[in-house]
Amino acid sequence: MKAIQVTNYGGPEVARVQSVDTPIKNKGDVLVSVVASSVNPVDIKHMTPGTVQEIDQFPMVLGWDIAGIVIEADKDSAFQIGDRVLALHPQGSWQQVVPVKEDQLLKLPEDIDFIHGASIPLGAVTALQALRKLKIKQGETLLVTGALGSVGGYAIELAKQAKISVAGLVRNKEKKDLRRFI
């Protein structure tokens, strides 16, 4: 199978398509054929020398977000071959097949395509973690900078569900209309 491996620190030129062994499914895992993944800022930081995110050993497969199709699961699994799924899979989604613990998988709704599905996990989890850390309560207002970005968009939606007032900021004057969020 193929994987995109980072072979050294640097820019995009250090990410290479390589042949690697297909992972083995352990009990409780679901093997997922990756249809789409994403590139997140944390991936770029891992590739950049001198950042907090250091690579322990080269080559390394990066990537956090997976949208794909189940190709193998345990008999008693909640997932079946052919199910569309998504997962947050730190360090390792840039490959054709990934083993994922069953409790870390979600079914991808039919009305969300794989490309959009692969943009959900890390952005949504980051927004949720930020809101939990802030401990904002009903009646307070959340200011979201970068409101049109992935994390900002999820923060707005999660705050709305929690009945928290939201104010959003965007940098680009062309994108000042936030009515779809409020």
C-alpha atoms as a PDB file:
ATOM      1  CA  MET A   1       0.000   0.000   0.000  1.00  0.00           C
ATOM      2  CA  LYS A   2       1.009   3.646  -0.309  1.00  0.00           C
ATOM      3  CA  ALA A   3       1.550   6.254   2.387  1.00  0.00           C
ATOM      4  CA  ILE A   4       2.761   9.828   2.387  1.00  0.00           C
ATOM      5  CA  GLN A   5       5.784   9.838   4.652  1.00  0.00           C
ATOM      6  CA  VAL A   6       7.747  12.811   5.893  1.00  0.00           C
ATOM      7  CA  THR A   7      11.404  11.922   5.380  1.00  0.00           C
ATOM      8  CA  ASN A   8      13.000  14.946   7.074  1.00  0.00           C
ATOM      9  CA  TYR A   9      12.148  18.418   8.334  1.00  0.00           C
ATOM     10  CA  GLY A  10      11.228  20.921   5.649  1.00  0.00           C
ATOM     11  CA  GLY A  11       8.466  21.989   3.307  1.00  0.00           C
ATOM     12  CA  PRO A  12       6.206  19.968   1.039  1.00  0.00           C
ATOM     13  CA  GLU A  13       9.233  18.496  -0.716  1.00  0.00           C
ATOM     14  CA  VAL A  14       9.980  16.260   2.309  1.00  0.00           C
ATOM     15  CA  ALA A  15       6.591  14.513   2.038  1.00  0.00           C
ATOM     16  CA  ARG A  16       6.943  11.557  -0.294  1.00  0.00           C
ATOM     17  CA  VAL A  17       4.642   8.798  -1.475  1.00  0.00           C
ATOM     18  CA  GLN A  18       6.244   5.533  -0.302  1.00  0.00           C
ATOM     19  CA  SER A  19       5.319   1.864  -0.323  1.00  0.00           C
ATOM     20  CA  VAL A  20       4.674   0.559   3.194  1.00  0.00           C
ATOM     21  CA  ASP A  21       3.255  -2.579   4.760  1.00  0.00           C
ATOM     22  CA  THR A  22      -0.516  -2.745   5.063  1.00  0.00           C
ATOM     23  CA  PRO A  23      -1.436  -2.493   8.759  1.00  0.00           C
ATOM     24  CA  ILE A  24      -2.760  -5.528  10.594  1.00  0.00           C
ATOM     25  CA  LYS A  25      -6.156  -5.322  12.270  1.00  0.00           C
ATOM     26  CA  ASN A  26      -6.121  -6.175  15.970  1.00  0.00           C
ATOM     27  CA  LYS A  27      -9.201  -7.151  17.984  1.00  0.00           C
ATOM     28  CA  GLY A  28     -11.347  -4.066  18.549  1.00  0.00           C
ATOM     29  CA  ASP A  29      -9.919  -2.330  15.484  1.00  0.00           C
ATOM     30  CA  VAL A  30     -11.723  -1.504  12.284  1.00  0.00           C
ATOM     31  CA  LEU A  31      -9.666  -1.334   9.099  1.00  0.00           C
ATOM     32  CA  VAL A  32     -10.569   1.739   7.088  1.00  0.00           C
ATOM     33  CA  SER A  33      -9.698   2.423   3.480  1.00  0.00           C
ATOM     34  CA  VAL A  34      -8.909   6.139   3.546  1.00  0.00           C
ATOM     35  CA  VAL A  35     -10.761   8.054   0.854  1.00  0.00           C
ATOM     36  CA  ALA A  36      -9.833  11.531   2.094  1.00  0.00           C
ATOM     37  CA  SER A  37      -7.647  13.117   4.734  1.00  0.00           C
ATOM     38  CA  SER A  38      -6.617  16.693   5.385  1.00  0.00           C
ATOM     39  CA  VAL A  39      -3.590  18.831   6.061  1.00  0.00           C
ATOM     40  CA  ASN A  40      -3.815  20.697   9.359  1.00  0.00           C
ATOM     41  CA  PRO A  41      -1.547  23.367  10.857  1.00  0.00           C
ATOM     42  CA  VAL A  42      -0.216  20.768  13.310  1.00  0.00           C
ATOM     43  CA  ASP A  43       1.047  18.691  10.358  1.00  0.00           C
ATOM     44  CA  ILE A  44       2.991  21.675   9.027  1.00  0.00           C
ATOM     45  CA  LYS A  45       4.396  22.329  12.518  1.00  0.00           C
ATOM     46  CA  HIS A  46       5.579  18.722  12.711  1.00  0.00           C
ATOM     47  CA  MET A  47       7.455  19.232   9.439  1.00  0.00           C
ATOM     48  CA  THR A  48       9.034  22.489  10.632  1.00  0.00           C
ATOM     49  CA  PRO A  49      12.222  22.230  12.713  1.00  0.00           C
ATOM     50  CA  GLY A  50      12.326  24.037  16.051  1.00  0.00           C
ATOM     51  CA  THR A  51       8.611  23.804  16.858  1.00  0.00           C
ATOM     52  CA  VAL A  52       7.047  22.105  19.867  1.00  0.00           C
ATOM     53  CA  GLN A  53       5.876  19.226  17.685  1.00  0.00           C
ATOM     54  CA  GLU A  54       8.995  17.175  17.054  1.00  0.00           C
ATOM     55  CA  ILE A  55       9.223  14.041  14.958  1.00  0.00           C
ATOM     56  CA  ASP A  56      10.701  11.174  16.961  1.00  0.00           C
ATOM     57  CA  GLN A  57      11.801   9.124  13.979  1.00  0.00           C
ATOM     58  CA  PHE A  58      11.863   9.523  10.208  1.00  0.00           C
ATOM     59  CA  PRO A  59      10.118   8.514   8.045  1.00  0.00           C
ATOM     60  CA  MET A  60       6.797   9.389   9.680  1.00  0.00           C
ATOM     61  CA  VAL A  61       3.214   9.346   8.410  1.00  0.00           C
ATOM     62  CA  LEU A  62       1.382  12.501   9.464  1.00  0.00           C
ATOM     63  CA  GLY A  63      -2.285  13.453   9.235  1.00  0.00           C
ATOM     64  CA  TRP A  64      -5.110  13.477  11.800  1.00  0.00           C
ATOM     65  CA  ASP A  65      -8.409  13.337   9.914  1.00  0.00           C
ATOM     66  CA  ILE A  66      -9.871  10.326   8.143  1.00  0.00           C
ATOM     67  CA  ALA A  67     -12.935   9.833   6.002  1.00  0.00           C
ATOM     68  CA  GLY A  68     -13.183   6.417   4.436  1.00  0.00           C
ATOM     69  CA  ILE A  69     -14.845   3.063   4.024  1.00  0.00           C
ATOM     70  CA  VAL A  70     -14.728   0.102   6.404  1.00  0.00           C
ATOM     71  CA  ILE A  71     -12.926  -2.838   4.788  1.00  0.00           C
ATOM     72  CA  GLU A  72     -12.646  -5.126   7.836  1.00  0.00           C
ATOM     73  CA  ALA A  73     -14.263  -5.283  11.285  1.00  0.00           C
ATOM     74  CA  ASP A  74     -14.887  -7.775  14.094  1.00  0.00           C
ATOM     75  CA  LYS A  75     -18.030  -9.932  13.803  1.00  0.00           C
ATOM     76  CA  ASP A  76     -19.657  -8.171  16.763  1.00  0.00           C
ATOM     77  CA  SER A  77     -18.651  -4.686  15.597  1.00  0.00           C
ATOM     78  CA  ALA A  78     -21.142  -1.862  15.185  1.00  0.00           C
ATOM     79  CA  PHE A  79     -19.470  -1.278  11.809  1.00  0.00           C
ATOM     80  CA  GLN A  80     -19.805  -3.395   8.683  1.00  0.00           C
ATOM     81  CA  ILE A  81     -17.771  -3.645   5.512  1.00  0.00           C
ATOM     82  CA  GLY A  82     -18.794  -0.779   3.261  1.00  0.00           C
ATOM     83  CA  ASP A  83     -19.799   1.647   6.029  1.00  0.00           C
ATOM     84  CA  ARG A  84     -18.761   5.250   5.434  1.00  0.00           C
ATOM     85  CA  VAL A  85     -16.855   6.509   8.478  1.00  0.00           C
ATOM     86  CA  LEU A  86     -14.768   9.337   9.856  1.00  0.00           C
ATOM     87  CA  ALA A  87     -12.245   9.468  12.673  1.00  0.00           C
ATOM     88  CA  LEU A  88      -9.645  11.557  14.413  1.00  0.00           C
ATOM     89  CA  HIS A  89      -6.476   9.514  14.022  1.00  0.00           C
ATOM     90  CA  PRO A  90      -3.414  11.420  15.286  1.00  0.00           C
ATOM     91  CA  GLN A  91      -0.296  10.797  13.281  1.00  0.00           C
ATOM     92  CA  GLY A  92      -1.109   8.429  10.542  1.00  0.00           C
ATOM     93  CA  SER A  93      -4.024   9.310   8.293  1.00  0.00           C
ATOM     94  CA  TRP A  94      -1.945   9.990   5.194  1.00  0.00           C
ATOM     95  CA  GLN A  95      -2.017   6.364   4.081  1.00  0.00           C
ATOM     96  CA  GLN A  96      -4.352   4.119   2.125  1.00  0.00           C
ATOM     97  CA  VAL A  97      -5.446   1.854   5.001  1.00  0.00           C
ATOM     98  CA  VAL A  98      -5.624   2.715   8.704  1.00  0.00           C
ATOM     99  CA  PRO A  99      -6.594   0.610  11.719  1.00  0.00           C
ATOM    100  CA  VAL A 100      -8.882   2.598  14.023  1.00  0.00           C
ATOM    101  CA  LYS A 101     -10.235   1.575  17.432  1.00  0.00           C
ATOM    102  CA  GLU A 102     -13.959   1.033  17.015  1.00  0.00           C
ATOM    103  CA  ASP A 103     -14.828   3.504  19.768  1.00  0.00           C
ATOM    104  CA  GLN A 104     -12.991   6.238  17.844  1.00  0.00           C
ATOM    105  CA  LEU A 105     -15.065   5.889  14.672  1.00  0.00           C
ATOM    106  CA  LEU A 106     -18.276   7.624  13.655  1.00  0.00           C
ATOM    107  CA  LYS A 107     -20.521   6.852  10.720  1.00  0.00           C
ATOM    108  CA  LEU A 108     -20.281   9.528   8.057  1.00  0.00           C
ATOM    109  CA  PRO A 109     -23.767  10.768   7.147  1.00  0.00           C
ATOM    110  CA  GLU A 110     -24.768  10.089   3.542  1.00  0.00           C
ATOM    111  CA  ASP A 111     -25.273  13.801   2.856  1.00  0.00           C
ATOM    112  CA  ILE A 112     -21.619  14.609   3.648  1.00  0.00           C
ATOM    113  CA  ASP A 113     -19.054  13.677   1.005  1.00  0.00           C
ATOM    114  CA  PHE A 114     -15.666  12.219   1.951  1.00  0.00           C
ATOM    115  CA  ILE A 115     -13.713  15.408   1.287  1.00  0.00           C
ATOM    116  CA  HIS A 116     -15.901  17.489   3.595  1.00  0.00           C
ATOM    117  CA  GLY A 117     -16.027  14.635   6.101  1.00  0.00           C
ATOM    118  CA  ALA A 118     -12.229  14.627   6.302  1.00  0.00           C
ATOM    119  CA  SER A 119     -12.306  18.280   7.356  1.00  0.00           C
ATOM    120  CA  ILE A 120     -14.448  17.633  10.434  1.00  0.00           C
ATOM    121  CA  PRO A 121     -12.580  15.684  13.154  1.00  0.00           C
ATOM    122  CA  LEU A 122      -9.644  17.853  14.274  1.00  0.00           C
ATOM    123  CA  GLY A 123     -11.410  21.191  13.744  1.00  0.00           C
ATOM    124  CA  ALA A 124     -14.502  20.088  15.649  1.00  0.00           C
ATOM    125  CA  VAL A 125     -12.538  18.518  18.520  1.00  0.00           C
ATOM    126  CA  THR A 126     -10.333  21.613  18.817  1.00  0.00           C
ATOM    127  CA  ALA A 127     -13.397  23.873  19.044  1.00  0.00           C
ATOM    128  CA  LEU A 128     -15.020  21.601  21.638  1.00  0.00           C
ATOM    129  CA  GLN A 129     -11.855  21.519  23.763  1.00  0.00           C
ATOM    130  CA  ALA A 130     -11.573  25.317  23.624  1.00  0.00           C
ATOM    131  CA  LEU A 131     -15.189  25.841  24.666  1.00  0.00           C
ATOM    132  CA  ARG A 132     -14.838  23.389  27.552  1.00  0.00           C
ATOM    133  CA  LYS A 133     -11.668  25.107  28.732  1.00  0.00           C
ATOM    134  CA  LEU A 134     -13.335  28.537  28.600  1.00  0.00           C
ATOM    135  CA  LYS A 135     -16.320  27.320  30.671  1.00  0.00           C
ATOM    136  CA  ILE A 136     -18.645  29.885  29.079  1.00  0.00           C
ATOM    137  CA  LYS A 137     -22.182  29.873  30.427  1.00  0.00           C
ATOM    138  CA  GLN A 138     -25.559  30.874  29.031  1.00  0.00           C
ATOM    139  CA  GLY A 139     -25.914  34.645  29.150  1.00  0.00           C
ATOM    140  CA  GLU A 140     -22.242  35.207  28.361  1.00  0.00           C
ATOM    141  CA  THR A 141     -20.916  36.059  24.897  1.00  0.00           C
ATOM    142  CA  LEU A 142     -18.245  34.141  23.049  1.00  0.00           C
ATOM    143  CA  LEU A 143     -15.990  36.117  20.695  1.00  0.00           C
ATOM    144  CA  VAL A 144     -14.753  33.891  17.876  1.00  0.00           C
ATOM    145  CA  THR A 145     -11.828  35.211  15.869  1.00  0.00           C
ATOM    146  CA  GLY A 146     -11.431  33.477  12.544  1.00  0.00           C
ATOM    147  CA  ALA A 147     -15.158  32.816  12.535  1.00  0.00           C
ATOM    148  CA  LEU A 148     -15.160  31.564   8.948  1.00  0.00           C
ATOM    149  CA  GLY A 149     -12.411  29.017   9.556  1.00  0.00           C
ATOM    150  CA  SER A 150     -12.872  25.385  10.506  1.00  0.00           C
ATOM    151  CA  VAL A 151     -12.344  25.714  14.262  1.00  0.00           C
ATOM    152  CA  GLY A 152     -14.192  29.037  14.391  1.00  0.00           C
ATOM    153  CA  GLY A 153     -17.171  27.650  12.498  1.00  0.00           C
ATOM    154  CA  TYR A 154     -17.458  24.664  14.821  1.00  0.00           C
ATOM    155  CA  ALA A 155     -17.038  26.901  17.887  1.00  0.00           C
ATOM    156  CA  ILE A 156     -19.959  29.005  16.688  1.00  0.00           C
ATOM    157  CA  GLU A 157     -22.174  25.995  16.075  1.00  0.00           C
ATOM    158  CA  LEU A 158     -21.312  24.389  19.428  1.00  0.00           C
ATOM    159  CA  ALA A 159     -21.907  27.680  21.252  1.00  0.00           C
ATOM    160  CA  LYS A 160     -25.289  28.075  19.540  1.00  0.00           C
ATOM    161  CA  GLN A 161     -26.279  24.567  20.684  1.00  0.00           C
ATOM    162  CA  ALA A 162     -25.318  25.545  24.242  1.00  0.00           C
ATOM    163  CA  LYS A 163     -27.403  28.737  23.897  1.00  0.00           C
ATOM    164  CA  ILE A 164     -24.334  30.958  24.256  1.00  0.00           C
ATOM    165  CA  SER A 165     -24.334  34.324  22.448  1.00  0.00           C
ATOM    166  CA  VAL A 166     -21.677  34.585  19.748  1.00  0.00           C
ATOM    167  CA  ALA A 167     -19.819  37.444  18.101  1.00  0.00           C
ATOM    168  CA  GLY A 168     -17.574  36.586  15.175  1.00  0.00           C
ATOM    169  CA  LEU A 169     -14.586  38.330  13.666  1.00  0.00           C
ATOM    170  CA  VAL A 170     -13.125  37.770  10.233  1.00  0.00           C
ATOM    171  CA  ARG A 171     -10.067  39.324   8.641  1.00  0.00           C
ATOM    172  CA  ASN A 172     -11.270  39.558   5.054  1.00  0.00           C
ATOM    173  CA  LYS A 173     -13.667  42.443   4.439  1.00  0.00           C
ATOM    174  CA  GLU A 174     -15.240  40.445   1.591  1.00  0.00           C
ATOM    175  CA  LYS A 175     -16.425  37.808   4.090  1.00  0.00           C
ATOM    176  CA  LYS A 176     -18.085  40.058   6.650  1.00  0.00           C
ATOM    177  CA  ASP A 177     -21.561  38.546   6.358  1.00  0.00           C
ATOM    178  CA  LEU A 178     -21.928  36.133   9.296  1.00  0.00           C
ATOM    179  CA  ARG A 179     -25.728  35.872   9.212  1.00  0.00           C
ATOM    180  CA  ARG A 180     -25.470  32.187   8.369  1.00  0.00           C
ATOM    181  CA  PHE A 181     -23.839  31.581  11.770  1.00  0.00           C
ATOM    182  CA  ILE A 182     -26.087  33.630  14.010  1.00  0.00           C
END
